[in-house]
Amino acid sequence: MSNLTAYLILLIAVVLGTAANGFAKSAQGFTLLIPTLLTAVTIVACMYTLSLVMKSIPVGVTYASFAGLCIIATIIVGVVKFNQMPDLYTILGMVLIISGVLIVNLIGKTS
């Protein structure tokens, strides 16, 4: 698989991981059946897509990219869906996370 394909699949994993986080919040401690099932399905699909990405991109780069992007996306979901507004320090942290993901992927070297 090409790196471009791997990164596209990584974006799908981020979408699935972010969806799983939103569903987990809606599941209210896994007391509601449908959001609980959606959480389980999206987590399994997310892990599957991550395993595909790791065939082409090193595990550390894959997971660092996934985690960073998923954090950013989940914060955005929190703002849009749950009206959870980030403060200045959260925004600063998001900028640092984005910087880290960019450094790992554009400048970092792994063998």
PDB file of N, CA and C in Angstrom:
ATOM      1  N   MET A   1       0.852  -1.171   0.000  1.00  0.00           N
ATOM      2  CA  MET A   1       0.000   0.000   0.000  1.00  0.00           C
ATOM      3  C   MET A   1       0.899   1.235   0.000  1.00  0.00           C
ATOM      4  N   SER A   2       0.522   2.245  -0.758  1.00  0.00           N
ATOM      5  CA  SER A   2       1.312   3.472  -0.818  1.00  0.00           C
ATOM      6  C   SER A   2       1.107   4.290   0.460  1.00  0.00           C
ATOM      7  N   ASN A   3       2.041   5.206   0.703  1.00  0.00           N
ATOM      8  CA  ASN A   3       1.906   6.069   1.877  1.00  0.00           C
ATOM      9  C   ASN A   3       0.655   6.936   1.791  1.00  0.00           C
ATOM     10  N   LEU A   4       0.308   7.392   0.588  1.00  0.00           N
ATOM     11  CA  LEU A   4      -0.897   8.202   0.426  1.00  0.00           C
ATOM     12  C   LEU A   4      -2.133   7.412   0.854  1.00  0.00           C
ATOM     13  N   THR A   5      -2.226   6.177   0.406  1.00  0.00           N
ATOM     14  CA  THR A   5      -3.347   5.316   0.794  1.00  0.00           C
ATOM     15  C   THR A   5      -3.353   5.097   2.302  1.00  0.00           C
ATOM     16  N   ALA A   6      -2.167   4.850   2.867  1.00  0.00           N
ATOM     17  CA  ALA A   6      -2.071   4.634   4.311  1.00  0.00           C
ATOM     18  C   ALA A   6      -2.563   5.854   5.082  1.00  0.00           C
ATOM     19  N   TYR A   7      -2.182   7.049   4.636  1.00  0.00           N
ATOM     20  CA  TYR A   7      -2.627   8.262   5.325  1.00  0.00           C
ATOM     21  C   TYR A   7      -4.125   8.498   5.138  1.00  0.00           C
ATOM     22  N   LEU A   8      -4.680   8.126   4.012  1.00  0.00           N
ATOM     23  CA  LEU A   8      -6.135   8.229   3.833  1.00  0.00           C
ATOM     24  C   LEU A   8      -6.865   7.278   4.779  1.00  0.00           C
ATOM     25  N   ILE A   9      -6.326   6.063   4.923  1.00  0.00           N
ATOM     26  CA  ILE A   9      -6.920   5.107   5.867  1.00  0.00           C
ATOM     27  C   ILE A   9      -6.751   5.608   7.293  1.00  0.00           C
ATOM     28  N   LEU A  10      -5.618   6.261   7.575  1.00  0.00           N
ATOM     29  CA  LEU A  10      -5.406   6.847   8.909  1.00  0.00           C
ATOM     30  C   LEU A  10      -6.475   7.902   9.194  1.00  0.00           C
ATOM     31  N   LEU A  11      -6.827   8.700   8.206  1.00  0.00           N
ATOM     32  CA  LEU A  11      -7.895   9.691   8.403  1.00  0.00           C
ATOM     33  C   LEU A  11      -9.232   9.021   8.699  1.00  0.00           C
ATOM     34  N   ILE A  12      -9.481   7.877   8.049  1.00  0.00           N
ATOM     35  CA  ILE A  12     -10.703   7.113   8.341  1.00  0.00           C
ATOM     36  C   ILE A  12     -10.661   6.624   9.790  1.00  0.00           C
ATOM     37  N   ALA A  13      -9.485   6.164  10.239  1.00  0.00           N
ATOM     38  CA  ALA A  13      -9.335   5.718  11.634  1.00  0.00           C
ATOM     39  C   ALA A  13      -9.610   6.861  12.603  1.00  0.00           C
ATOM     40  N   VAL A  14      -9.157   8.055  12.264  1.00  0.00           N
ATOM     41  CA  VAL A  14      -9.395   9.226  13.115  1.00  0.00           C
ATOM     42  C   VAL A  14     -10.890   9.527  13.184  1.00  0.00           C
ATOM     43  N   VAL A  15     -11.558   9.467  12.049  1.00  0.00           N
ATOM     44  CA  VAL A  15     -13.014   9.708  12.030  1.00  0.00           C
ATOM     45  C   VAL A  15     -13.726   8.660  12.888  1.00  0.00           C
ATOM     46  N   LEU A  16     -13.332   7.395  12.735  1.00  0.00           N
ATOM     47  CA  LEU A  16     -13.957   6.321  13.525  1.00  0.00           C
ATOM     48  C   LEU A  16     -13.662   6.484  15.012  1.00  0.00           C
ATOM     49  N   GLY A  17     -12.417   6.821  15.345  1.00  0.00           N
ATOM     50  CA  GLY A  17     -12.053   7.016  16.754  1.00  0.00           C
ATOM     51  C   GLY A  17     -12.795   8.185  17.368  1.00  0.00           C
ATOM     52  N   THR A  18     -12.923   9.252  16.609  1.00  0.00           N
ATOM     53  CA  THR A  18     -13.656  10.424  17.096  1.00  0.00           C
ATOM     54  C   THR A  18     -15.140  10.102  17.263  1.00  0.00           C
ATOM     55  N   ALA A  19     -15.697   9.368  16.319  1.00  0.00           N
ATOM     56  CA  ALA A  19     -17.099   8.945  16.440  1.00  0.00           C
ATOM     57  C   ALA A  19     -17.283   8.081  17.676  1.00  0.00           C
ATOM     58  N   ALA A  20     -16.343   7.177  17.903  1.00  0.00           N
ATOM     59  CA  ALA A  20     -16.428   6.311  19.088  1.00  0.00           C
ATOM     60  C   ALA A  20     -16.423   7.140  20.366  1.00  0.00           C
ATOM     61  N   ASN A  21     -15.591   8.177  20.408  1.00  0.00           N
ATOM     62  CA  ASN A  21     -15.555   9.033  21.599  1.00  0.00           C
ATOM     63  C   ASN A  21     -16.882   9.760  21.800  1.00  0.00           C
ATOM     64  N   GLY A  22     -17.455  10.257  20.723  1.00  0.00           N
ATOM     65  CA  GLY A  22     -18.757  10.919  20.823  1.00  0.00           C
ATOM     66  C   GLY A  22     -19.857   9.967  21.255  1.00  0.00           C
ATOM     67  N   PHE A  23     -19.841   8.765  20.687  1.00  0.00           N
ATOM     68  CA  PHE A  23     -20.839   7.766  21.083  1.00  0.00           C
ATOM     69  C   PHE A  23     -20.655   7.353  22.540  1.00  0.00           C
ATOM     70  N   ALA A  24     -19.403   7.249  22.996  1.00  0.00           N
ATOM     71  CA  ALA A  24     -19.152   6.870  24.396  1.00  0.00           C
ATOM     72  C   ALA A  24     -19.723   7.915  25.340  1.00  0.00           C
ATOM     73  N   LYS A  25     -19.568   9.182  25.006  1.00  0.00           N
ATOM     74  CA  LYS A  25     -20.156  10.252  25.822  1.00  0.00           C
ATOM     75  C   LYS A  25     -21.676  10.132  25.832  1.00  0.00           C
ATOM     76  N   SER A  26     -22.261   9.862  24.674  1.00  0.00           N
ATOM     77  CA  SER A  26     -23.720   9.737  24.579  1.00  0.00           C
ATOM     78  C   SER A  26     -24.246   8.476  25.263  1.00  0.00           C
ATOM     79  N   ALA A  27     -23.393   7.470  25.439  1.00  0.00           N
ATOM     80  CA  ALA A  27     -23.820   6.200  26.042  1.00  0.00           C
ATOM     81  C   ALA A  27     -24.048   6.316  27.551  1.00  0.00           C
ATOM     82  N   GLN A  28     -23.642   7.428  28.138  1.00  0.00           N
ATOM     83  CA  GLN A  28     -23.846   7.690  29.570  1.00  0.00           C
ATOM     84  C   GLN A  28     -23.392   6.513  30.437  1.00  0.00           C
ATOM     85  N   GLY A  29     -22.099   6.203  30.335  1.00  0.00           N
ATOM     86  CA  GLY A  29     -21.551   5.104  31.141  1.00  0.00           C
ATOM     87  C   GLY A  29     -22.001   3.746  30.642  1.00  0.00           C
ATOM     88  N   PHE A  30     -22.254   3.641  29.367  1.00  0.00           N
ATOM     89  CA  PHE A  30     -22.736   2.414  28.716  1.00  0.00           C
ATOM     90  C   PHE A  30     -24.058   1.923  29.305  1.00  0.00           C
ATOM     91  N   THR A  31     -24.913   2.875  29.655  1.00  0.00           N
ATOM     92  CA  THR A  31     -26.244   2.520  30.162  1.00  0.00           C
ATOM     93  C   THR A  31     -27.311   2.590  29.065  1.00  0.00           C
ATOM     94  N   LEU A  32     -26.954   3.163  27.909  1.00  0.00           N
ATOM     95  CA  LEU A  32     -27.893   3.239  26.786  1.00  0.00           C
ATOM     96  C   LEU A  32     -27.420   2.302  25.684  1.00  0.00           C
ATOM     97  N   LEU A  33     -28.291   1.422  25.223  1.00  0.00           N
ATOM     98  CA  LEU A  33     -27.919   0.337  24.325  1.00  0.00           C
ATOM     99  C   LEU A  33     -27.364   0.807  22.977  1.00  0.00           C
ATOM    100  N   ILE A  34     -28.082   1.659  22.267  1.00  0.00           N
ATOM    101  CA  ILE A  34     -27.670   2.034  20.906  1.00  0.00           C
ATOM    102  C   ILE A  34     -26.330   2.776  20.901  1.00  0.00           C
ATOM    103  N   PRO A  35     -26.141   3.819  21.725  1.00  0.00           N
ATOM    104  CA  PRO A  35     -24.822   4.461  21.727  1.00  0.00           C
ATOM    105  C   PRO A  35     -23.703   3.515  22.177  1.00  0.00           C
ATOM    106  N   THR A  36     -24.010   2.589  23.062  1.00  0.00           N
ATOM    107  CA  THR A  36     -23.011   1.604  23.499  1.00  0.00           C
ATOM    108  C   THR A  36     -22.602   0.710  22.336  1.00  0.00           C
ATOM    109  N   LEU A  37     -23.578   0.212  21.578  1.00  0.00           N
ATOM    110  CA  LEU A  37     -23.268  -0.633  20.419  1.00  0.00           C
ATOM    111  C   LEU A  37     -22.505   0.148  19.355  1.00  0.00           C
ATOM    112  N   LEU A  38     -22.894   1.392  19.123  1.00  0.00           N
ATOM    113  CA  LEU A  38     -22.184   2.226  18.158  1.00  0.00           C
ATOM    114  C   LEU A  38     -20.738   2.466  18.598  1.00  0.00           C
ATOM    115  N   THR A  39     -20.538   2.661  19.893  1.00  0.00           N
ATOM    116  CA  THR A  39     -19.181   2.822  20.426  1.00  0.00           C
ATOM    117  C   THR A  39     -18.352   1.577  20.134  1.00  0.00           C
ATOM    118  N   ALA A  40     -18.902   0.413  20.423  1.00  0.00           N
ATOM    119  CA  ALA A  40     -18.174  -0.842  20.212  1.00  0.00           C
ATOM    120  C   ALA A  40     -17.832  -1.060  18.741  1.00  0.00           C
ATOM    121  N   VAL A  41     -18.782  -0.835  17.877  1.00  0.00           N
ATOM    122  CA  VAL A  41     -18.568  -1.054  16.441  1.00  0.00           C
ATOM    123  C   VAL A  41     -17.515  -0.088  15.903  1.00  0.00           C
ATOM    124  N   THR A  42     -17.611   1.182  16.277  1.00  0.00           N
ATOM    125  CA  THR A  42     -16.651   2.159  15.747  1.00  0.00           C
ATOM    126  C   THR A  42     -15.252   1.939  16.316  1.00  0.00           C
ATOM    127  N   ILE A  43     -15.140   1.498  17.556  1.00  0.00           N
ATOM    128  CA  ILE A  43     -13.808   1.210  18.128  1.00  0.00           C
ATOM    129  C   ILE A  43     -13.165   0.037  17.394  1.00  0.00           C
ATOM    130  N   VAL A  44     -13.913  -1.015  17.146  1.00  0.00           N
ATOM    131  CA  VAL A  44     -13.363  -2.180  16.437  1.00  0.00           C
ATOM    132  C   VAL A  44     -12.943  -1.780  15.016  1.00  0.00           C
ATOM    133  N   ALA A  45     -13.795  -1.029  14.332  1.00  0.00           N
ATOM    134  CA  ALA A  45     -13.453  -0.580  12.977  1.00  0.00           C
ATOM    135  C   ALA A  45     -12.232   0.341  12.997  1.00  0.00           C
ATOM    136  N   CYS A  46     -12.138   1.172  14.004  1.00  0.00           N
ATOM    137  CA  CYS A  46     -10.991   2.071  14.152  1.00  0.00           C
ATOM    138  C   CYS A  46      -9.701   1.270  14.324  1.00  0.00           C
ATOM    139  N   MET A  47      -9.706   0.286  15.200  1.00  0.00           N
ATOM    140  CA  MET A  47      -8.511  -0.535  15.431  1.00  0.00           C
ATOM    141  C   MET A  47      -8.136  -1.328  14.180  1.00  0.00           C
ATOM    142  N   TYR A  48      -9.137  -1.778  13.439  1.00  0.00           N
ATOM    143  CA  TYR A  48      -8.855  -2.495  12.200  1.00  0.00           C
ATOM    144  C   TYR A  48      -8.154  -1.581  11.197  1.00  0.00           C
ATOM    145  N   THR A  49      -8.687  -0.364  11.029  1.00  0.00           N
ATOM    146  CA  THR A  49      -8.066   0.548  10.073  1.00  0.00           C
ATOM    147  C   THR A  49      -6.656   0.935  10.528  1.00  0.00           C
ATOM    148  N   LEU A  50      -6.456   1.111  11.829  1.00  0.00           N
ATOM    149  CA  LEU A  50      -5.104   1.401  12.320  1.00  0.00           C
ATOM    150  C   LEU A  50      -4.144   0.255  12.018  1.00  0.00           C
ATOM    151  N   SER A  51      -4.620  -0.973  12.142  1.00  0.00           N
ATOM    152  CA  SER A  51      -3.756  -2.124  11.851  1.00  0.00           C
ATOM    153  C   SER A  51      -3.356  -2.147  10.374  1.00  0.00           C
ATOM    154  N   LEU A  52      -4.244  -1.703   9.496  1.00  0.00           N
ATOM    155  CA  LEU A  52      -3.903  -1.616   8.077  1.00  0.00           C
ATOM    156  C   LEU A  52      -2.832  -0.557   7.832  1.00  0.00           C
ATOM    157  N   VAL A  53      -2.974   0.579   8.495  1.00  0.00           N
ATOM    158  CA  VAL A  53      -2.013   1.669   8.338  1.00  0.00           C
ATOM    159  C   VAL A  53      -0.626   1.231   8.789  1.00  0.00           C
ATOM    160  N   MET A  54      -0.575   0.458   9.875  1.00  0.00           N
ATOM    161  CA  MET A  54       0.704   0.041  10.439  1.00  0.00           C
ATOM    162  C   MET A  54       1.473  -0.925   9.541  1.00  0.00           C
ATOM    163  N   LYS A  55       0.850  -1.397   8.479  1.00  0.00           N
ATOM    164  CA  LYS A  55       1.584  -2.199   7.494  1.00  0.00           C
ATOM    165  C   LYS A  55       2.554  -1.328   6.701  1.00  0.00           C
ATOM    166  N   SER A  56       2.246  -0.032   6.580  1.00  0.00           N
ATOM    167  CA  SER A  56       3.048   0.870   5.752  1.00  0.00           C
ATOM    168  C   SER A  56       3.774   1.956   6.534  1.00  0.00           C
ATOM    169  N   ILE A  57       3.184   2.395   7.614  1.00  0.00           N
ATOM    170  CA  ILE A  57       3.753   3.489   8.405  1.00  0.00           C
ATOM    171  C   ILE A  57       4.160   2.922   9.762  1.00  0.00           C
ATOM    172  N   PRO A  58       5.337   3.280  10.279  1.00  0.00           N
ATOM    173  CA  PRO A  58       5.780   2.746  11.569  1.00  0.00           C
ATOM    174  C   PRO A  58       4.746   2.968  12.677  1.00  0.00           C
ATOM    175  N   VAL A  59       4.684   2.035  13.606  1.00  0.00           N
ATOM    176  CA  VAL A  59       3.669   2.047  14.653  1.00  0.00           C
ATOM    177  C   VAL A  59       3.704   3.338  15.469  1.00  0.00           C
ATOM    178  N   GLY A  60       4.879   3.842  15.803  1.00  0.00           N
ATOM    179  CA  GLY A  60       4.971   5.064  16.594  1.00  0.00           C
ATOM    180  C   GLY A  60       4.419   6.270  15.868  1.00  0.00           C
ATOM    181  N   VAL A  61       4.748   6.386  14.608  1.00  0.00           N
ATOM    182  CA  VAL A  61       4.248   7.503  13.797  1.00  0.00           C
ATOM    183  C   VAL A  61       2.744   7.369  13.600  1.00  0.00           C
ATOM    184  N   THR A  62       2.295   6.150  13.334  1.00  0.00           N
ATOM    185  CA  THR A  62       0.860   5.913  13.156  1.00  0.00           C
ATOM    186  C   THR A  62       0.086   6.321  14.397  1.00  0.00           C
ATOM    187  N   TYR A  63       0.515   5.827  15.546  1.00  0.00           N
ATOM    188  CA  TYR A  63      -0.260   6.082  16.755  1.00  0.00           C
ATOM    189  C   TYR A  63      -0.139   7.526  17.209  1.00  0.00           C
ATOM    190  N   ALA A  64       1.043   8.131  17.067  1.00  0.00           N
ATOM    191  CA  ALA A  64       1.192   9.539  17.440  1.00  0.00           C
ATOM    192  C   ALA A  64       0.275  10.405  16.579  1.00  0.00           C
ATOM    193  N   SER A  65       0.245  10.120  15.291  1.00  0.00           N
ATOM    194  CA  SER A  65      -0.614  10.877  14.380  1.00  0.00           C
ATOM    195  C   SER A  65      -2.082  10.652  14.716  1.00  0.00           C
ATOM    196  N   PHE A  66      -2.447   9.396  14.909  1.00  0.00           N
ATOM    197  CA  PHE A  66      -3.831   9.058  15.235  1.00  0.00           C
ATOM    198  C   PHE A  66      -4.271   9.738  16.528  1.00  0.00           C
ATOM    199  N   ALA A  67      -3.470   9.601  17.566  1.00  0.00           N
ATOM    200  CA  ALA A  67      -3.846  10.148  18.873  1.00  0.00           C
ATOM    201  C   ALA A  67      -3.981  11.666  18.814  1.00  0.00           C
ATOM    202  N   GLY A  68      -3.002  12.317  18.207  1.00  0.00           N
ATOM    203  CA  GLY A  68      -3.049  13.770  18.124  1.00  0.00           C
ATOM    204  C   GLY A  68      -4.246  14.275  17.351  1.00  0.00           C
ATOM    205  N   LEU A  69      -4.459  13.691  16.176  1.00  0.00           N
ATOM    206  CA  LEU A  69      -5.590  14.126  15.350  1.00  0.00           C
ATOM    207  C   LEU A  69      -6.927  13.779  15.990  1.00  0.00           C
ATOM    208  N   CYS A  70      -6.976  12.654  16.668  1.00  0.00           N
ATOM    209  CA  CYS A  70      -8.220  12.243  17.331  1.00  0.00           C
ATOM    210  C   CYS A  70      -8.542  13.180  18.504  1.00  0.00           C
ATOM    211  N   ILE A  71      -7.508  13.621  19.222  1.00  0.00           N
ATOM    212  CA  ILE A  71      -7.727  14.581  20.310  1.00  0.00           C
ATOM    213  C   ILE A  71      -8.323  15.868  19.758  1.00  0.00           C
ATOM    214  N   ILE A  72      -7.713  16.379  18.700  1.00  0.00           N
ATOM    215  CA  ILE A  72      -8.206  17.625  18.095  1.00  0.00           C
ATOM    216  C   ILE A  72      -9.646  17.454  17.616  1.00  0.00           C
ATOM    217  N   ALA A  73      -9.902  16.370  16.907  1.00  0.00           N
ATOM    218  CA  ALA A  73     -11.251  16.129  16.371  1.00  0.00           C
ATOM    219  C   ALA A  73     -12.268  15.952  17.496  1.00  0.00           C
ATOM    220  N   THR A  74     -11.870  15.282  18.576  1.00  0.00           N
ATOM    221  CA  THR A  74     -12.788  15.069  19.692  1.00  0.00           C
ATOM    222  C   THR A  74     -13.100  16.384  20.401  1.00  0.00           C
ATOM    223  N   ILE A  75     -12.117  17.255  20.511  1.00  0.00           N
ATOM    224  CA  ILE A  75     -12.381  18.576  21.097  1.00  0.00           C
ATOM    225  C   ILE A  75     -13.378  19.335  20.229  1.00  0.00           C
ATOM    226  N   ILE A  76     -13.224  19.248  18.923  1.00  0.00           N
ATOM    227  CA  ILE A  76     -14.162  19.916  18.011  1.00  0.00           C
ATOM    228  C   ILE A  76     -15.566  19.335  18.172  1.00  0.00           C
ATOM    229  N   VAL A  77     -15.679  18.015  18.289  1.00  0.00           N
ATOM    230  CA  VAL A  77     -16.984  17.388  18.532  1.00  0.00           C
ATOM    231  C   VAL A  77     -17.566  17.882  19.856  1.00  0.00           C
ATOM    232  N   GLY A  78     -16.721  18.003  20.867  1.00  0.00           N
ATOM    233  CA  GLY A  78     -17.184  18.525  22.158  1.00  0.00           C
ATOM    234  C   GLY A  78     -17.759  19.921  22.040  1.00  0.00           C
ATOM    235  N   VAL A  79     -17.127  20.748  21.226  1.00  0.00           N
ATOM    236  CA  VAL A  79     -17.623  22.115  21.018  1.00  0.00           C
ATOM    237  C   VAL A  79     -18.947  22.091  20.269  1.00  0.00           C
ATOM    238  N   VAL A  80     -18.990  21.343  19.170  1.00  0.00           N
ATOM    239  CA  VAL A  80     -20.167  21.364  18.296  1.00  0.00           C
ATOM    240  C   VAL A  80     -21.349  20.611  18.902  1.00  0.00           C
ATOM    241  N   LYS A  81     -21.107  19.406  19.398  1.00  0.00           N
ATOM    242  CA  LYS A  81     -22.208  18.544  19.832  1.00  0.00           C
ATOM    243  C   LYS A  81     -22.592  18.743  21.301  1.00  0.00           C
ATOM    244  N   PHE A  82     -21.592  19.002  22.151  1.00  0.00           N
ATOM    245  CA  PHE A  82     -21.856  19.055  23.589  1.00  0.00           C
ATOM    246  C   PHE A  82     -21.673  20.451  24.184  1.00  0.00           C
ATOM    247  N   ASN A  83     -21.421  21.454  23.322  1.00  0.00           N
ATOM    248  CA  ASN A  83     -21.258  22.840  23.765  1.00  0.00           C
ATOM    249  C   ASN A  83     -20.192  22.983  24.858  1.00  0.00           C
ATOM    250  N   GLN A  84     -19.084  22.275  24.710  1.00  0.00           N
ATOM    251  CA  GLN A  84     -17.977  22.320  25.658  1.00  0.00           C
ATOM    252  C   GLN A  84     -16.885  23.221  25.080  1.00  0.00           C
ATOM    253  N   MET A  85     -16.814  24.441  25.545  1.00  0.00           N
ATOM    254  CA  MET A  85     -15.890  25.425  24.983  1.00  0.00           C
ATOM    255  C   MET A  85     -14.503  25.295  25.612  1.00  0.00           C
ATOM    256  N   PRO A  86     -13.460  25.152  24.784  1.00  0.00           N
ATOM    257  CA  PRO A  86     -12.093  25.055  25.320  1.00  0.00           C
ATOM    258  C   PRO A  86     -11.611  26.420  25.822  1.00  0.00           C
ATOM    259  N   ASP A  87     -10.776  26.387  26.866  1.00  0.00           N
ATOM    260  CA  ASP A  87     -10.192  27.628  27.350  1.00  0.00           C
ATOM    261  C   ASP A  87      -8.868  27.892  26.628  1.00  0.00           C
ATOM    262  N   LEU A  88      -8.209  28.965  27.004  1.00  0.00           N
ATOM    263  CA  LEU A  88      -6.965  29.373  26.353  1.00  0.00           C
ATOM    264  C   LEU A  88      -5.910  28.272  26.407  1.00  0.00           C
ATOM    265  N   TYR A  89      -5.778  27.607  27.555  1.00  0.00           N
ATOM    266  CA  TYR A  89      -4.761  26.564  27.702  1.00  0.00           C
ATOM    267  C   TYR A  89      -5.066  25.342  26.846  1.00  0.00           C
ATOM    268  N   THR A  90      -6.330  25.024  26.692  1.00  0.00           N
ATOM    269  CA  THR A  90      -6.722  23.923  25.819  1.00  0.00           C
ATOM    270  C   THR A  90      -6.385  24.249  24.367  1.00  0.00           C
ATOM    271  N   ILE A  91      -6.667  25.469  23.966  1.00  0.00           N
ATOM    272  CA  ILE A  91      -6.345  25.888  22.599  1.00  0.00           C
ATOM    273  C   ILE A  91      -4.832  25.862  22.378  1.00  0.00           C
ATOM    274  N   LEU A  92      -4.069  26.343  23.355  1.00  0.00           N
ATOM    275  CA  LEU A  92      -2.608  26.291  23.260  1.00  0.00           C
ATOM    276  C   LEU A  92      -2.135  24.843  23.143  1.00  0.00           C
ATOM    277  N   GLY A  93      -2.700  23.966  23.941  1.00  0.00           N
ATOM    278  CA  GLY A  93      -2.356  22.545  23.860  1.00  0.00           C
ATOM    279  C   GLY A  93      -2.678  21.955  22.496  1.00  0.00           C
ATOM    280  N   MET A  94      -3.809  22.355  21.918  1.00  0.00           N
ATOM    281  CA  MET A  94      -4.185  21.874  20.588  1.00  0.00           C
ATOM    282  C   MET A  94      -3.170  22.328  19.539  1.00  0.00           C
ATOM    283  N   VAL A  95      -2.708  23.567  19.646  1.00  0.00           N
ATOM    284  CA  VAL A  95      -1.698  24.073  18.713  1.00  0.00           C
ATOM    285  C   VAL A  95      -0.413  23.249  18.851  1.00  0.00           C
ATOM    286  N   LEU A  96      -0.034  22.928  20.083  1.00  0.00           N
ATOM    287  CA  LEU A  96       1.169  22.117  20.298  1.00  0.00           C
ATOM    288  C   LEU A  96       0.993  20.701  19.758  1.00  0.00           C
ATOM    289  N   ILE A  97      -0.192  20.128  19.922  1.00  0.00           N
ATOM    290  CA  ILE A  97      -0.461  18.788  19.389  1.00  0.00           C
ATOM    291  C   ILE A  97      -0.358  18.797  17.864  1.00  0.00           C
ATOM    292  N   ILE A  98      -0.981  19.775  17.232  1.00  0.00           N
ATOM    293  CA  ILE A  98      -0.911  19.869  15.770  1.00  0.00           C
ATOM    294  C   ILE A  98       0.538  20.031  15.329  1.00  0.00           C
ATOM    295  N   SER A  99       1.286  20.871  16.037  1.00  0.00           N
ATOM    296  CA  SER A  99       2.710  21.049  15.716  1.00  0.00           C
ATOM    297  C   SER A  99       3.459  19.729  15.830  1.00  0.00           C
ATOM    298  N   GLY A 100       3.189  18.980  16.885  1.00  0.00           N
ATOM    299  CA  GLY A 100       3.850  17.696  17.083  1.00  0.00           C
ATOM    300  C   GLY A 100       3.536  16.698  15.989  1.00  0.00           C
ATOM    301  N   VAL A 101       2.268  16.615  15.602  1.00  0.00           N
ATOM    302  CA  VAL A 101       1.867  15.700  14.523  1.00  0.00           C
ATOM    303  C   VAL A 101       2.564  16.083  13.225  1.00  0.00           C
ATOM    304  N   LEU A 102       2.633  17.373  12.942  1.00  0.00           N
ATOM    305  CA  LEU A 102       3.303  17.827  11.730  1.00  0.00           C
ATOM    306  C   LEU A 102       4.804  17.508  11.764  1.00  0.00           C
ATOM    307  N   ILE A 103       5.427  17.746  12.905  1.00  0.00           N
ATOM    308  CA  ILE A 103       6.862  17.455  13.026  1.00  0.00           C
ATOM    309  C   ILE A 103       7.137  15.960  12.831  1.00  0.00           C
ATOM    310  N   VAL A 104       6.345  15.129  13.491  1.00  0.00           N
ATOM    311  CA  VAL A 104       6.536  13.683  13.379  1.00  0.00           C
ATOM    312  C   VAL A 104       6.409  13.219  11.928  1.00  0.00           C
ATOM    313  N   ASN A 105       5.416  13.742  11.226  1.00  0.00           N
ATOM    314  CA  ASN A 105       5.127  13.256   9.875  1.00  0.00           C
ATOM    315  C   ASN A 105       5.962  13.928   8.780  1.00  0.00           C
ATOM    316  N   LEU A 106       6.314  15.182   8.958  1.00  0.00           N
ATOM    317  CA  LEU A 106       7.009  15.889   7.888  1.00  0.00           C
ATOM    318  C   LEU A 106       8.527  15.940   8.069  1.00  0.00           C
ATOM    319  N   ILE A 107       8.987  15.928   9.308  1.00  0.00           N
ATOM    320  CA  ILE A 107      10.413  16.079   9.554  1.00  0.00           C
ATOM    321  C   ILE A 107      11.029  14.825  10.168  1.00  0.00           C
ATOM    322  N   GLY A 108      10.263  14.145  11.016  1.00  0.00           N
ATOM    323  CA  GLY A 108      10.788  12.978  11.734  1.00  0.00           C
ATOM    324  C   GLY A 108      11.200  11.848  10.815  1.00  0.00           C
ATOM    325  N   LYS A 109      12.223  11.130  11.225  1.00  0.00           N
ATOM    326  CA  LYS A 109      12.709   9.966  10.479  1.00  0.00           C
ATOM    327  C   LYS A 109      12.627   8.738  11.384  1.00  0.00           C
ATOM    328  N   THR A 110      12.022   7.678  10.865  1.00  0.00           N
ATOM    329  CA  THR A 110      11.999   6.396  11.570  1.00  0.00           C
ATOM    330  C   THR A 110      12.346   5.325  10.567  1.00  0.00           C
ATOM    331  N   SER A 111      12.983   4.285  11.074  1.00  0.00           N
ATOM    332  CA  SER A 111      13.347   3.194  10.145  1.00  0.00           C
ATOM    333  C   SER A 111      12.468   1.997  10.311  1.00  0.00           C
TER     334      SER A 111
END
